[in-house]
Amino acid sequence: MKTLSISPHTAQVIITLEAAGFEAWCVGGCVRDSLLGREPADWDVATNARPEEILACFPNRPAVETGRRHGTIGIVTEGGLVEATTFRVDGDYAGFRRPVEVQFSQSLREDLSRRDFTVNAMAYHPDRGLQDPFGGQEDLKRRMLRCVGDPKSRFQEDALRILRCLRFAAVLGFGIQPETRRMALDCRGLIAALSGERVREELTKLLCGDWMYPVLEENALVLFAALPELEALSGCGQENPYHQYDCWEHTLHATEAVPAKPILRWAALLHDCGKPLVKTFDSQGTAHFYGHAEVGARLAGELLARLRFPRRELEAVVRLVEGHGEILPMGEKRVKRLLGALGEEDFWALLALVRGDISAQTAWVAAKRLPLVDQAEVLAEDILARGSCLAVKDLAVDGQDLMNLGYRPGPALGKSLKTLLEEVLSGELANEKPGLLARAGELLGDGARPM
């Protein structure tokens, strides 16, 4: 019997439930990850104890009861939250997402039979070992994702399983069993019924997976069902000397080339989404995509809003999409302006996106332009090391200094501070208080004083 290392607080939950006469097992992803030698993110327990009985077993522990309707009680232990869920059999599903009703069961096998993939339908007990009624362990060895039972039924019950299938493949590096893959493709239209938040969560994990590229290359139609704005990229040629791939292939290569961070992967996935809408040809038959970054930024904003992205993340991705065509080489003035406008974190993200975009172009373009990205990076590091003035807050004068000159609080004061910053960034002014005050006085005399 293969012995798995269960966290002590999870083992204690099992011991407590069984001391009260119930059956309890570790189930699902924690068992899968342990068998793969991966550290589980969390541990889940399945039991024949009903929710009220689970609570009664832990009278002195805080509990989370938000999932009680579906049989789940969260037990707060010294080592973290452990969710204990009553064995159950799902009834009919509504909206291709959730069961209308849940029937509690006394059978572990029945509970495992309702799960999505065989690799997630295993249970483990420290004394009784592994329960694997659907061949999940063998599928782990084959590195294969296969639905429990009929894949069409599993996907029609819960359309999120279609995206979970792709996500697990991208994160674990697994293949998808042919019938499971065929049914995922056939049922992809059901994805439209899913909430934006759920789609966002699954696709973000997928995009950050080590095997993102082959999974999206082989299952592009499933992704397009979730993000229809991207479908026009497929087959949209880039008939010019700078590109060797069509828009979709280029997008995949660029996405793979940026670090596996959510903001960057989403920005890379969406960076050229505006190209099909602005594509034109010149008299020589060369394709051009004038204004695609601006159009793409608008489309990206609408898409991310539909997926209910937090505002800060949405705005960061949109800024990157809009700025990914930054002209190289970047001089010191331009780098300073970008650092001031974007902030350090988003500036480095922009350089990473520009680097990924260039890496996915023709070899001669990459050879010529990637060193220019390196130069911009070195220049930015030098500017930051020097403590250069990059924003209004870095000026040697502030609002109080200008009010001492005669300014009043209001738009005119803010406008003059921005003018001073622009002139410092351009090199017209040194960031020194006497000169800044003199220039602020000139601006005040030029009519900056509010009426």
Protein backbone atom coordinates (compact mmCIF):
# COMPACT_ATOMS: atom_id res chain seq x y z
CA MET A 1 0.00 0.00 0.00
CA LYS A 2 1.37 3.40 -0.97
CA THR A 3 1.54 5.64 2.09
CA LEU A 4 0.66 9.30 1.63
CA SER A 5 1.77 12.02 3.99
CA ILE A 6 -1.41 13.65 5.29
CA SER A 7 -1.23 16.95 7.11
CA PRO A 8 -1.56 16.46 10.89
CA HIS A 9 -4.65 18.67 11.20
CA THR A 10 -6.41 16.71 8.42
CA ALA A 11 -5.51 13.42 10.09
CA GLN A 12 -6.98 14.72 13.34
CA VAL A 13 -10.28 15.58 11.61
CA ILE A 14 -10.48 12.00 10.28
CA ILE A 15 -9.64 10.54 13.72
CA THR A 16 -12.28 12.71 15.41
CA LEU A 17 -15.02 11.75 12.94
CA GLU A 18 -14.19 8.06 13.14
CA ALA A 19 -14.02 8.15 16.94
CA ALA A 20 -17.67 9.24 16.80
CA GLY A 21 -18.54 6.19 14.68
CA PHE A 22 -18.40 7.74 11.21
CA GLU A 23 -16.36 6.94 8.10
CA ALA A 24 -13.95 9.58 6.76
CA TRP A 25 -11.50 9.76 3.84
CA CYS A 26 -9.21 12.27 2.14
CA VAL A 27 -10.63 12.82 -1.35
CA GLY A 28 -10.10 14.61 -4.63
CA GLY A 29 -7.25 16.87 -5.64
CA CYS A 30 -5.22 16.38 -2.46
CA VAL A 31 -5.02 12.64 -3.16
CA ARG A 32 -4.15 13.25 -6.82
CA ASP A 33 -1.41 15.74 -5.99
CA SER A 34 0.05 13.53 -3.25
CA LEU A 35 0.30 10.58 -5.64
CA LEU A 36 2.07 12.88 -8.12
CA GLY A 37 4.54 13.99 -5.46
CA ARG A 38 3.10 17.53 -5.41
CA GLU A 39 2.27 19.46 -2.25
CA PRO A 40 -1.55 19.74 -2.03
CA ALA A 41 -2.87 23.29 -1.75
CA ASP A 42 -5.51 22.05 0.70
CA TRP A 43 -6.98 18.84 2.09
CA ASP A 44 -10.62 17.80 1.71
CA VAL A 45 -12.38 15.11 3.72
CA ALA A 46 -15.46 13.12 2.69
CA THR A 47 -17.55 11.43 5.33
CA ASN A 48 -20.87 9.67 5.85
CA ALA A 49 -21.57 12.09 8.73
CA ARG A 50 -24.25 14.63 7.89
CA PRO A 51 -23.54 18.34 8.30
CA GLU A 52 -25.16 18.59 11.74
CA GLU A 53 -23.23 15.50 12.83
CA ILE A 54 -19.95 16.96 11.57
CA LEU A 55 -20.62 20.10 13.63
CA ALA A 56 -21.43 18.01 16.69
CA CYS A 57 -18.05 16.26 16.40
CA PHE A 58 -16.21 19.58 16.72
CA PRO A 59 -18.13 21.55 19.39
CA ASN A 60 -15.10 23.61 20.38
CA ARG A 61 -13.93 24.47 16.88
CA PRO A 62 -15.02 27.49 14.82
CA ALA A 63 -16.88 26.33 11.72
CA VAL A 64 -17.67 27.77 8.31
CA GLU A 65 -21.20 26.79 7.25
CA THR A 66 -21.58 28.61 3.91
CA GLY A 67 -21.55 25.26 2.06
CA ARG A 68 -23.85 23.46 4.48
CA ARG A 69 -26.70 23.20 1.93
CA HIS A 70 -24.43 21.02 -0.20
CA GLY A 71 -23.09 19.08 2.77
CA THR A 72 -19.83 20.97 3.37
CA ILE A 73 -18.67 22.18 6.78
CA GLY A 74 -15.35 24.03 7.10
CA ILE A 75 -13.54 23.15 10.31
CA VAL A 76 -11.04 25.73 11.53
CA THR A 77 -8.01 23.87 12.95
CA GLU A 78 -4.64 25.08 14.23
CA GLY A 79 -3.19 24.15 10.84
CA GLY A 80 -5.85 25.83 8.73
CA LEU A 81 -9.29 25.16 7.30
CA VAL A 82 -10.30 21.57 6.55
CA GLU A 83 -13.53 21.06 4.61
CA ALA A 84 -15.53 17.97 5.51
CA THR A 85 -18.31 17.08 3.07
CA THR A 86 -21.01 14.47 3.44
CA PHE A 87 -20.99 11.66 0.87
CA ARG A 88 -23.55 12.72 -1.69
CA VAL A 89 -25.22 11.99 -5.00
CA ASP A 90 -26.15 14.97 -7.13
CA GLY A 91 -29.64 15.29 -8.55
CA ASP A 92 -30.56 17.06 -11.78
CA TYR A 93 -28.39 20.03 -12.74
CA ALA A 94 -29.63 23.54 -13.56
CA GLY A 95 -27.98 25.99 -15.93
CA PHE A 96 -25.27 23.47 -16.83
CA ARG A 97 -23.55 24.33 -13.57
CA ARG A 98 -25.09 23.29 -10.25
CA PRO A 99 -27.26 20.41 -8.99
CA VAL A 100 -30.84 21.41 -8.23
CA GLU A 101 -30.75 19.19 -5.19
CA VAL A 102 -28.21 17.10 -3.34
CA GLN A 103 -28.97 13.70 -1.84
CA PHE A 104 -26.70 12.59 0.97
CA SER A 105 -25.31 9.08 0.74
CA GLN A 106 -23.68 6.46 2.93
CA SER A 107 -21.51 5.20 0.07
CA LEU A 108 -18.01 6.45 -0.70
CA ARG A 109 -18.19 4.90 -4.17
CA GLU A 110 -21.40 6.82 -4.97
CA ASP A 111 -19.69 10.01 -3.86
CA LEU A 112 -16.64 9.34 -6.05
CA SER A 113 -18.84 8.44 -9.03
CA ARG A 114 -20.23 12.01 -9.28
CA ARG A 115 -16.78 13.59 -9.67
CA ASP A 116 -15.36 15.02 -12.88
CA PHE A 117 -12.19 13.10 -13.81
CA THR A 118 -10.84 9.75 -12.71
CA VAL A 119 -7.68 11.34 -11.29
CA ASN A 120 -9.93 13.39 -8.98
CA ALA A 121 -12.14 10.43 -8.02
CA MET A 122 -9.82 8.69 -5.60
CA ALA A 123 -9.93 8.53 -1.79
CA TYR A 124 -7.25 7.76 0.76
CA HIS A 125 -7.31 6.64 4.38
CA PRO A 126 -4.18 6.38 6.54
CA ASP A 127 -5.10 2.85 7.64
CA ARG A 128 -7.22 1.50 4.77
CA GLY A 129 -5.16 2.89 1.91
CA LEU A 130 -6.34 4.01 -1.54
CA GLN A 131 -9.84 3.60 -2.95
CA ASP A 132 -9.75 3.97 -6.72
CA PRO A 133 -12.91 2.51 -8.29
CA PHE A 134 -12.53 4.27 -11.68
CA GLY A 135 -8.86 3.74 -12.54
CA GLY A 136 -7.54 7.13 -11.55
CA GLN A 137 -4.16 5.83 -10.44
CA GLU A 138 -3.58 4.18 -13.81
CA ASP A 139 -4.59 7.40 -15.57
CA LEU A 140 -2.07 9.26 -13.40
CA LYS A 141 0.64 6.90 -14.62
CA ARG A 142 -0.50 7.47 -18.20
CA ARG A 143 -0.72 11.22 -17.52
CA MET A 144 -4.21 11.19 -18.96
CA LEU A 145 -7.40 13.10 -18.14
CA ARG A 146 -10.53 10.97 -18.51
CA CYS A 147 -14.04 11.71 -17.32
CA VAL A 148 -15.68 9.48 -14.75
CA GLY A 149 -18.34 7.62 -16.74
CA ASP A 150 -19.85 9.25 -19.83
CA PRO A 151 -17.98 12.49 -20.66
CA LYS A 152 -20.98 14.07 -22.39
CA SER A 153 -23.07 13.63 -19.26
CA ARG A 154 -20.30 15.00 -17.04
CA PHE A 155 -19.91 18.13 -19.19
CA GLN A 156 -23.65 18.69 -19.57
CA GLU A 157 -24.05 18.47 -15.80
CA ASP A 158 -21.43 21.15 -15.22
CA ALA A 159 -19.99 23.07 -18.16
CA LEU A 160 -17.17 24.40 -15.98
CA ARG A 161 -15.67 20.92 -16.21
CA ILE A 162 -14.83 21.65 -19.85
CA LEU A 163 -12.52 24.49 -18.80
CA ARG A 164 -11.27 22.52 -15.80
CA CYS A 165 -10.23 19.78 -18.20
CA LEU A 166 -8.06 22.21 -20.14
CA ARG A 167 -6.77 23.78 -16.94
CA PHE A 168 -5.67 20.46 -15.45
CA ALA A 169 -3.99 19.55 -18.75
CA ALA A 170 -2.08 22.85 -18.79
CA VAL A 171 -1.06 22.73 -15.12
CA LEU A 172 -0.27 19.00 -14.84
CA GLY A 173 1.02 18.41 -18.36
CA PHE A 174 -1.54 15.67 -18.99
CA GLY A 175 -3.04 14.57 -22.26
CA ILE A 176 -6.82 14.40 -22.69
CA GLN A 177 -8.38 11.04 -23.46
CA PRO A 178 -9.79 11.22 -27.03
CA GLU A 179 -13.47 10.71 -26.16
CA THR A 180 -13.23 13.19 -23.29
CA ARG A 181 -11.61 15.73 -25.61
CA ARG A 182 -14.21 15.14 -28.34
CA MET A 183 -17.08 15.70 -25.92
CA ALA A 184 -15.42 18.81 -24.50
CA LEU A 185 -15.35 20.17 -28.04
CA ASP A 186 -18.92 19.11 -28.79
CA CYS A 187 -20.24 20.65 -25.55
CA ARG A 188 -18.21 23.88 -25.73
CA GLY A 189 -21.32 25.97 -26.46
CA LEU A 190 -22.45 25.34 -22.86
CA ILE A 191 -19.58 27.52 -21.62
CA ALA A 192 -21.70 30.57 -22.47
CA ALA A 193 -23.93 29.72 -19.50
CA LEU A 194 -21.08 30.06 -16.98
CA SER A 195 -20.51 33.11 -14.82
CA GLY A 196 -17.69 35.45 -15.76
CA GLU A 197 -15.96 34.91 -12.43
CA ARG A 198 -15.78 31.13 -12.90
CA VAL A 199 -14.44 31.45 -16.44
CA ARG A 200 -11.85 33.97 -15.26
CA GLU A 201 -10.61 31.73 -12.46
CA GLU A 202 -10.19 28.67 -14.67
CA LEU A 203 -8.58 30.51 -17.59
CA THR A 204 -6.16 32.36 -15.33
CA LYS A 205 -4.89 29.07 -13.90
CA LEU A 206 -4.75 27.60 -17.40
CA LEU A 207 -2.77 30.54 -18.79
CA CYS A 208 -0.20 30.25 -16.01
CA GLY A 209 0.27 26.51 -16.52
CA ASP A 210 3.59 25.19 -17.81
CA TRP A 211 1.80 23.39 -20.66
CA MET A 212 -0.44 26.30 -21.65
CA TYR A 213 0.84 26.45 -25.24
CA PRO A 214 0.10 22.88 -26.42
CA VAL A 215 -3.24 22.82 -24.59
CA LEU A 216 -4.49 26.03 -26.25
CA GLU A 217 -2.99 25.08 -29.59
CA GLU A 218 -4.93 21.80 -29.61
CA ASN A 219 -8.13 23.15 -28.03
CA ALA A 220 -8.43 26.65 -29.45
CA LEU A 221 -12.11 26.19 -30.31
CA VAL A 222 -12.92 25.55 -26.66
CA LEU A 223 -11.12 28.75 -25.65
CA PHE A 224 -12.94 30.70 -28.37
CA ALA A 225 -16.25 29.51 -26.91
CA ALA A 226 -15.25 31.22 -23.67
CA LEU A 227 -13.59 34.24 -25.33
CA PRO A 228 -15.30 34.72 -28.71
CA GLU A 229 -13.43 38.00 -29.25
CA LEU A 230 -10.30 35.96 -29.98
CA GLU A 231 -11.70 33.66 -32.66
CA ALA A 232 -10.99 36.15 -35.46
CA LEU A 233 -7.27 35.85 -34.68
CA SER A 234 -7.26 32.28 -36.00
CA GLY A 235 -6.42 32.32 -39.68
CA CYS A 236 -5.83 36.08 -39.71
CA GLY A 237 -2.56 36.25 -41.64
CA GLN A 238 0.17 38.80 -41.03
CA GLU A 239 1.48 39.26 -44.52
CA ASN A 240 4.50 41.39 -43.79
CA PRO A 241 8.24 40.84 -43.25
CA TYR A 242 8.01 41.12 -39.48
CA HIS A 243 5.87 38.06 -38.83
CA GLN A 244 6.11 34.33 -39.51
CA TYR A 245 2.82 33.28 -37.86
CA ASP A 246 -0.82 34.22 -38.24
CA CYS A 247 -2.29 36.32 -35.43
CA TRP A 248 -3.39 33.35 -33.32
CA GLU A 249 -0.13 31.42 -33.58
CA HIS A 250 1.78 34.62 -32.82
CA THR A 251 -0.44 35.21 -29.78
CA LEU A 252 0.26 31.73 -28.42
CA HIS A 253 4.02 32.12 -28.87
CA ALA A 254 3.97 35.58 -27.25
CA THR A 255 1.90 34.32 -24.31
CA GLU A 256 4.29 31.45 -23.74
CA ALA A 257 7.25 33.85 -23.89
CA VAL A 258 6.17 36.11 -20.99
CA PRO A 259 6.55 35.12 -17.31
CA ALA A 260 3.70 33.01 -15.94
CA LYS A 261 2.05 35.84 -14.01
CA PRO A 262 -1.70 36.41 -14.43
CA ILE A 263 -1.57 40.06 -15.56
CA LEU A 264 1.20 39.36 -18.08
CA ARG A 265 -0.34 36.18 -19.47
CA TRP A 266 -3.72 37.88 -19.95
CA ALA A 267 -2.07 40.92 -21.56
CA ALA A 268 -0.13 38.69 -23.95
CA LEU A 269 -3.24 36.66 -24.81
CA LEU A 270 -5.14 39.86 -25.65
CA HIS A 271 -2.37 42.09 -26.99
CA ASP A 272 -3.27 41.64 -30.66
CA CYS A 273 -7.02 41.06 -30.35
CA GLY A 274 -7.67 44.29 -32.27
CA LYS A 275 -5.68 43.29 -35.36
CA PRO A 276 -8.45 41.55 -37.34
CA LEU A 277 -10.62 44.67 -37.03
CA VAL A 278 -8.05 47.09 -38.49
CA LYS A 279 -6.23 44.94 -41.03
CA THR A 280 -5.50 46.62 -44.36
CA PHE A 281 -3.24 45.96 -47.34
CA ASP A 282 -1.08 48.39 -49.25
CA SER A 283 -0.57 48.34 -53.02
CA GLN A 284 2.23 45.78 -52.67
CA GLY A 285 0.00 43.37 -50.77
CA THR A 286 1.70 43.97 -47.42
CA ALA A 287 -0.60 43.79 -44.41
CA HIS A 288 -0.80 46.66 -41.93
CA PHE A 289 -2.59 46.91 -38.58
CA TYR A 290 -2.64 50.62 -37.83
CA GLY A 291 -4.28 51.47 -34.50
CA HIS A 292 -4.63 47.85 -33.42
CA ALA A 293 -3.27 48.52 -29.92
CA GLU A 294 -5.92 51.14 -29.17
CA VAL A 295 -8.72 48.99 -30.62
CA GLY A 296 -7.36 45.96 -28.78
CA ALA A 297 -7.27 47.86 -25.49
CA ARG A 298 -10.96 48.69 -25.87
CA LEU A 299 -11.86 45.09 -26.70
CA ALA A 300 -9.72 43.80 -23.84
CA GLY A 301 -11.46 46.13 -21.41
CA GLU A 302 -14.88 44.89 -22.49
CA LEU A 303 -13.81 41.24 -22.33
CA LEU A 304 -12.22 41.57 -18.89
CA ALA A 305 -15.24 43.47 -17.56
CA ARG A 306 -17.46 40.58 -18.71
CA LEU A 307 -15.22 38.21 -16.76
CA ARG A 308 -15.63 40.45 -13.71
CA PHE A 309 -11.92 41.22 -13.30
CA PRO A 310 -11.06 43.42 -10.32
CA ARG A 311 -10.72 47.01 -11.51
CA ARG A 312 -7.01 47.33 -10.77
CA GLU A 313 -6.17 44.15 -12.73
CA LEU A 314 -8.44 45.14 -15.62
CA GLU A 315 -6.80 48.55 -15.91
CA ALA A 316 -3.30 47.04 -15.72
CA VAL A 317 -4.01 44.61 -18.58
CA VAL A 318 -5.63 47.33 -20.70
CA ARG A 319 -2.63 49.64 -20.21
CA LEU A 320 -0.28 46.86 -21.29
CA VAL A 321 -2.33 46.02 -24.38
CA GLU A 322 -2.47 49.67 -25.36
CA GLY A 323 1.26 50.19 -24.80
CA HIS A 324 2.71 46.96 -26.19
CA GLY A 325 3.70 48.60 -29.47
CA GLU A 326 6.13 50.94 -27.72
CA ILE A 327 8.66 52.33 -30.21
CA LEU A 328 12.25 51.20 -29.74
CA PRO A 329 14.85 52.31 -28.88
CA MET A 330 13.62 54.15 -25.78
CA GLY A 331 15.63 57.18 -24.76
CA GLU A 332 16.01 58.42 -21.20
CA LYS A 333 13.18 60.94 -21.51
CA ARG A 334 10.77 58.26 -22.72
CA VAL A 335 11.78 55.77 -20.05
CA LYS A 336 11.32 58.41 -17.36
CA ARG A 337 7.88 59.31 -18.68
CA LEU A 338 6.81 55.66 -18.74
CA LEU A 339 8.15 55.00 -15.26
CA GLY A 340 6.29 58.05 -14.00
CA ALA A 341 3.05 57.22 -15.79
CA LEU A 342 2.99 53.46 -15.14
CA GLY A 343 4.92 53.02 -11.94
CA GLU A 344 7.85 50.66 -11.57
CA GLU A 345 5.86 47.40 -11.44
CA ASP A 346 3.79 48.09 -14.55
CA PHE A 347 6.84 49.42 -16.42
CA TRP A 348 8.68 46.13 -15.94
CA ALA A 349 5.52 44.31 -17.01
CA LEU A 350 5.39 46.41 -20.19
CA LEU A 351 8.99 45.55 -21.03
CA ALA A 352 8.23 41.85 -20.44
CA LEU A 353 5.24 42.05 -22.80
CA VAL A 354 7.24 43.90 -25.45
CA ARG A 355 9.96 41.26 -25.14
CA GLY A 356 7.43 38.43 -25.50
CA ASP A 357 5.79 40.11 -28.51
CA ILE A 358 9.14 40.55 -30.28
CA SER A 359 10.21 36.99 -29.45
CA ALA A 360 7.17 35.71 -31.37
CA GLN A 361 8.08 37.61 -34.55
CA THR A 362 10.56 36.61 -37.24
CA ALA A 363 14.09 35.70 -36.19
CA TRP A 364 15.70 38.76 -37.77
CA VAL A 365 13.27 41.09 -35.98
CA ALA A 366 13.99 39.40 -32.64
CA ALA A 367 17.75 39.58 -33.22
CA LYS A 368 17.53 43.29 -34.00
CA ARG A 369 15.01 44.46 -31.42
CA LEU A 370 15.50 42.31 -28.32
CA PRO A 371 18.84 44.04 -27.54
CA LEU A 372 16.92 47.35 -27.59
CA VAL A 373 14.63 45.99 -24.86
CA ASP A 374 17.73 45.03 -22.88
CA GLN A 375 19.01 48.61 -23.27
CA ALA A 376 15.73 50.06 -22.00
CA GLU A 377 15.89 47.73 -19.01
CA VAL A 378 19.43 48.81 -18.12
CA LEU A 379 18.50 52.47 -18.58
CA ALA A 380 15.46 52.13 -16.31
CA GLU A 381 17.53 50.46 -13.61
CA ASP A 382 20.03 53.32 -13.79
CA ILE A 383 17.28 55.96 -13.61
CA LEU A 384 15.75 54.29 -10.57
CA ALA A 385 19.16 53.91 -8.90
CA ARG A 386 19.77 57.65 -9.34
CA GLY A 387 16.48 58.46 -7.64
CA SER A 388 15.39 60.54 -10.63
CA CYS A 389 12.26 62.65 -10.53
CA LEU A 390 9.49 60.64 -12.20
CA ALA A 391 6.22 61.92 -10.72
CA VAL A 392 4.78 65.05 -9.11
CA LYS A 393 5.51 63.58 -5.69
CA ASP A 394 9.22 63.49 -6.60
CA LEU A 395 9.43 67.24 -7.33
CA ALA A 396 11.57 69.37 -5.04
CA VAL A 397 8.52 71.58 -4.48
CA ASP A 398 4.98 70.71 -3.45
CA GLY A 399 1.55 72.30 -3.35
CA GLN A 400 2.29 74.20 -0.15
CA ASP A 401 5.36 75.77 -1.73
CA LEU A 402 3.25 77.04 -4.62
CA MET A 403 0.54 78.34 -2.30
CA ASN A 404 3.24 80.30 -0.50
CA LEU A 405 3.85 82.00 -3.86
CA GLY A 406 0.22 83.03 -4.13
CA TYR A 407 -1.51 80.01 -5.65
CA ARG A 408 -4.85 78.92 -4.29
CA PRO A 409 -5.93 75.29 -3.93
CA GLY A 410 -7.57 74.10 -7.13
CA PRO A 411 -7.01 73.02 -10.72
CA ALA A 412 -4.52 75.79 -11.53
CA LEU A 413 -2.16 74.61 -8.79
CA GLY A 414 -2.32 71.01 -10.04
CA LYS A 415 -1.79 72.14 -13.63
CA SER A 416 1.35 74.08 -12.69
CA LEU A 417 2.78 71.11 -10.79
CA LYS A 418 2.24 68.92 -13.86
CA THR A 419 3.92 71.56 -16.05
CA LEU A 420 6.93 71.61 -13.72
CA LEU A 421 7.13 67.81 -13.90
CA GLU A 422 6.96 67.82 -17.70
CA GLU A 423 9.79 70.33 -17.91
CA VAL A 424 11.91 68.35 -15.45
CA LEU A 425 11.30 65.13 -17.41
CA SER A 426 12.19 66.85 -20.68
CA GLY A 427 15.40 68.25 -19.22
CA GLU A 428 14.35 71.88 -19.51
CA LEU A 429 14.43 72.28 -15.71
CA ALA A 430 16.58 70.78 -12.99
CA ASN A 431 14.68 69.29 -10.07
CA GLU A 432 15.95 71.98 -7.71
CA LYS A 433 13.74 74.10 -5.49
CA PRO A 434 14.95 77.62 -6.42
CA GLY A 435 14.55 77.06 -10.16
CA LEU A 436 11.20 75.31 -9.74
CA LEU A 437 9.85 78.14 -7.60
CA ALA A 438 11.01 80.70 -10.13
CA ARG A 439 9.29 78.82 -12.94
CA ALA A 440 6.14 78.39 -10.83
CA GLY A 441 6.12 82.15 -10.35
CA GLU A 442 6.28 82.64 -14.12
CA LEU A 443 3.35 80.30 -14.58
CA LEU A 444 1.40 82.19 -11.97
CA GLY A 445 2.09 85.43 -13.81
CA ASP A 446 1.07 83.81 -17.10
CA GLY A 447 -2.45 83.36 -15.75
CA ALA A 448 -2.22 80.21 -13.66
CA ARG A 449 -3.74 82.09 -10.72
CA PRO A 450 -7.38 81.00 -10.41
CA MET A 451 -10.06 83.65 -10.66
